[in-house]
């Protein structure tokens, strides 16, 4: 909701709209957070594994470039 001063042609006050509710209960929200934590942990493990093999991949590319 906006309050506009016609003489100044400017917004002088505003009221943000109410935040929508998620519709989730407390138990559902907690289980959702637990699922997200597991997803983050899995993604971290995948990134860690990729980072560990990154040196080998770069070394192979370097060796191929020397041929």
N, C-alpha and C. Protein backbone atom coordinates (compact mmCIF):
# COMPACT_ATOMS: atom_id res chain seq x y z
N UNK A 1 0.85 -1.17 0.00
CA UNK A 1 0.00 0.00 0.00
C UNK A 1 0.90 1.23 0.00
N UNK A 2 0.65 2.11 -0.92
CA UNK A 2 1.45 3.32 -1.06
C UNK A 2 0.63 4.55 -0.70
N UNK A 3 1.30 5.52 -0.10
CA UNK A 3 0.70 6.83 0.14
C UNK A 3 1.50 7.83 -0.69
N UNK A 4 0.80 8.46 -1.63
CA UNK A 4 1.47 9.37 -2.56
C UNK A 4 0.95 10.78 -2.33
N UNK A 5 1.88 11.72 -2.25
CA UNK A 5 1.53 13.14 -2.12
C UNK A 5 1.40 13.70 -3.54
N UNK A 6 0.17 14.07 -3.94
CA UNK A 6 -0.01 14.56 -5.31
C UNK A 6 0.72 15.88 -5.58
N UNK A 7 0.89 16.71 -4.58
CA UNK A 7 1.57 17.98 -4.79
C UNK A 7 3.06 17.76 -5.07
N UNK A 8 3.66 16.84 -4.34
CA UNK A 8 5.09 16.55 -4.53
C UNK A 8 5.32 15.50 -5.61
N UNK A 9 4.26 14.76 -5.95
CA UNK A 9 4.36 13.65 -6.89
C UNK A 9 5.43 12.66 -6.43
N UNK A 10 5.34 12.30 -5.14
CA UNK A 10 6.32 11.38 -4.57
C UNK A 10 5.63 10.47 -3.56
N UNK A 11 6.21 9.32 -3.36
CA UNK A 11 5.72 8.39 -2.35
C UNK A 11 6.19 8.89 -0.99
N UNK A 12 5.25 9.08 -0.08
CA UNK A 12 5.63 9.56 1.25
C UNK A 12 5.56 8.47 2.30
N UNK A 13 4.88 7.37 2.01
CA UNK A 13 4.82 6.24 2.94
C UNK A 13 4.44 4.99 2.17
N UNK A 14 4.87 3.87 2.68
CA UNK A 14 4.47 2.61 2.07
C UNK A 14 4.31 1.56 3.16
N UNK A 15 3.52 0.58 2.86
CA UNK A 15 3.28 -0.53 3.77
C UNK A 15 3.50 -1.81 2.97
N UNK A 16 4.49 -2.61 3.33
CA UNK A 16 4.76 -3.82 2.55
C UNK A 16 3.60 -4.81 2.67
N UNK A 17 3.40 -5.61 1.64
CA UNK A 17 2.33 -6.61 1.70
C UNK A 17 2.66 -7.67 2.74
N UNK A 18 1.66 -8.32 3.29
CA UNK A 18 1.93 -9.36 4.29
C UNK A 18 2.66 -10.54 3.64
N UNK A 19 3.58 -11.12 4.40
CA UNK A 19 4.35 -12.26 3.89
C UNK A 19 3.45 -13.48 3.77
N UNK A 20 3.55 -14.19 2.67
CA UNK A 20 2.73 -15.40 2.52
C UNK A 20 3.22 -16.49 3.47
N UNK A 21 2.31 -17.24 3.99
CA UNK A 21 2.67 -18.35 4.87
C UNK A 21 3.03 -19.57 4.03
N UNK A 22 3.95 -20.37 4.54
CA UNK A 22 4.39 -21.54 3.79
C UNK A 22 3.37 -22.66 3.85
N UNK A 23 2.54 -22.68 4.88
CA UNK A 23 1.55 -23.75 5.00
C UNK A 23 2.12 -24.99 5.64
N UNK A 24 3.38 -24.97 6.01
CA UNK A 24 4.00 -26.12 6.64
C UNK A 24 3.87 -26.02 8.15
N UNK A 25 3.66 -27.17 8.77
CA UNK A 25 3.67 -27.21 10.22
C UNK A 25 5.10 -27.26 10.71
N UNK A 26 5.27 -27.20 12.01
CA UNK A 26 6.61 -27.19 12.59
C UNK A 26 7.34 -28.50 12.29
N UNK A 27 6.66 -29.63 12.42
CA UNK A 27 7.30 -30.92 12.14
C UNK A 27 7.73 -31.03 10.68
N UNK A 28 6.85 -30.58 9.79
CA UNK A 28 7.18 -30.63 8.36
C UNK A 28 8.35 -29.72 8.03
N UNK A 29 8.40 -28.56 8.64
CA UNK A 29 9.49 -27.62 8.39
C UNK A 29 10.81 -28.20 8.89
N UNK A 30 10.81 -28.83 10.06
CA UNK A 30 12.04 -29.42 10.60
C UNK A 30 12.52 -30.57 9.72
N UNK A 31 11.61 -31.40 9.24
CA UNK A 31 12.03 -32.51 8.38
C UNK A 31 12.55 -31.97 7.05
N UNK A 32 11.97 -30.89 6.57
CA UNK A 32 12.45 -30.27 5.34
C UNK A 32 13.87 -29.75 5.52
N UNK A 33 14.13 -29.12 6.66
CA UNK A 33 15.49 -28.63 6.94
C UNK A 33 16.48 -29.78 7.04
N UNK A 34 16.06 -30.88 7.63
CA UNK A 34 16.93 -32.05 7.72
C UNK A 34 17.26 -32.59 6.34
N UNK A 35 16.28 -32.61 5.45
CA UNK A 35 16.51 -33.07 4.09
C UNK A 35 17.46 -32.16 3.35
N UNK A 36 17.33 -30.86 3.57
CA UNK A 36 18.23 -29.91 2.93
C UNK A 36 19.65 -30.07 3.44
N UNK A 37 19.80 -30.36 4.72
CA UNK A 37 21.14 -30.55 5.29
C UNK A 37 21.79 -31.78 4.67
N UNK A 38 21.03 -32.84 4.49
CA UNK A 38 21.57 -34.05 3.87
C UNK A 38 21.98 -33.78 2.43
N UNK A 39 21.19 -32.98 1.72
CA UNK A 39 21.49 -32.63 0.34
C UNK A 39 22.79 -31.82 0.26
N UNK A 40 22.95 -30.87 1.19
CA UNK A 40 24.18 -30.06 1.22
C UNK A 40 25.39 -30.93 1.52
N UNK A 41 25.25 -31.87 2.43
CA UNK A 41 26.35 -32.76 2.79
C UNK A 41 26.76 -33.61 1.58
N UNK A 42 25.78 -34.12 0.84
CA UNK A 42 26.07 -34.93 -0.34
C UNK A 42 26.77 -34.10 -1.40
N UNK A 43 26.31 -32.89 -1.62
CA UNK A 43 26.93 -32.00 -2.59
C UNK A 43 28.37 -31.67 -2.19
N UNK A 44 28.60 -31.46 -0.90
CA UNK A 44 29.94 -31.18 -0.41
C UNK A 44 30.87 -32.36 -0.68
N UNK A 45 30.39 -33.58 -0.43
CA UNK A 45 31.21 -34.77 -0.67
C UNK A 45 31.55 -34.91 -2.15
N UNK A 46 30.57 -34.64 -3.02
CA UNK A 46 30.83 -34.73 -4.46
C UNK A 46 31.86 -33.69 -4.89
N UNK A 47 31.75 -32.47 -4.39
CA UNK A 47 32.70 -31.42 -4.74
C UNK A 47 34.10 -31.73 -4.21
N UNK A 48 34.16 -32.30 -3.02
CA UNK A 48 35.44 -32.66 -2.43
C UNK A 48 36.13 -33.74 -3.27
N UNK A 49 35.36 -34.73 -3.71
CA UNK A 49 35.91 -35.80 -4.54
C UNK A 49 36.40 -35.23 -5.87
N UNK A 50 35.63 -34.31 -6.47
CA UNK A 50 36.03 -33.71 -7.74
C UNK A 50 37.29 -32.87 -7.56
N UNK A 51 37.39 -32.17 -6.45
CA UNK A 51 38.56 -31.32 -6.19
C UNK A 51 39.82 -32.18 -5.98
N UNK A 52 39.65 -33.34 -5.36
CA UNK A 52 40.79 -34.21 -5.11
C UNK A 52 41.33 -34.79 -6.42
N UNK A 53 40.46 -35.06 -7.38
CA UNK A 53 40.92 -35.62 -8.65
C UNK A 53 41.30 -34.54 -9.66
N UNK A 54 41.11 -33.29 -9.32
CA UNK A 54 41.39 -32.18 -10.23
C UNK A 54 42.86 -32.13 -10.62
N UNK A 55 43.75 -32.39 -9.67
CA UNK A 55 45.18 -32.38 -9.95
C UNK A 55 45.57 -33.43 -10.97
N UNK A 56 44.98 -34.62 -10.85
CA UNK A 56 45.28 -35.70 -11.80
C UNK A 56 44.81 -35.33 -13.20
N UNK A 57 43.63 -34.75 -13.28
CA UNK A 57 43.08 -34.35 -14.58
C UNK A 57 43.96 -33.30 -15.23
N UNK A 58 44.37 -32.30 -14.46
CA UNK A 58 45.24 -31.25 -15.01
C UNK A 58 46.59 -31.81 -15.43
N UNK A 59 47.12 -32.75 -14.67
CA UNK A 59 48.40 -33.37 -15.01
C UNK A 59 48.28 -34.14 -16.33
N UNK A 60 47.19 -34.87 -16.49
CA UNK A 60 46.99 -35.61 -17.75
C UNK A 60 46.85 -34.66 -18.93
N UNK A 61 46.13 -33.57 -18.75
CA UNK A 61 45.99 -32.59 -19.82
C UNK A 61 47.34 -31.99 -20.18
N UNK A 62 48.16 -31.73 -19.18
CA UNK A 62 49.49 -31.18 -19.41
C UNK A 62 50.35 -32.18 -20.18
N UNK A 63 50.30 -33.46 -19.79
CA UNK A 63 51.08 -34.49 -20.48
C UNK A 63 50.63 -34.64 -21.93
N UNK A 64 49.31 -34.55 -22.16
CA UNK A 64 48.81 -34.62 -23.53
C UNK A 64 49.28 -33.42 -24.34
N UNK A 65 49.35 -32.27 -23.71
CA UNK A 65 49.81 -31.07 -24.40
C UNK A 65 51.28 -31.15 -24.78
N UNK A 66 52.07 -31.89 -24.01
CA UNK A 66 53.49 -32.03 -24.31
C UNK A 66 53.73 -32.98 -25.48
N UNK A 67 52.78 -33.87 -25.76
CA UNK A 67 52.98 -34.85 -26.84
C UNK A 67 52.91 -34.23 -28.20
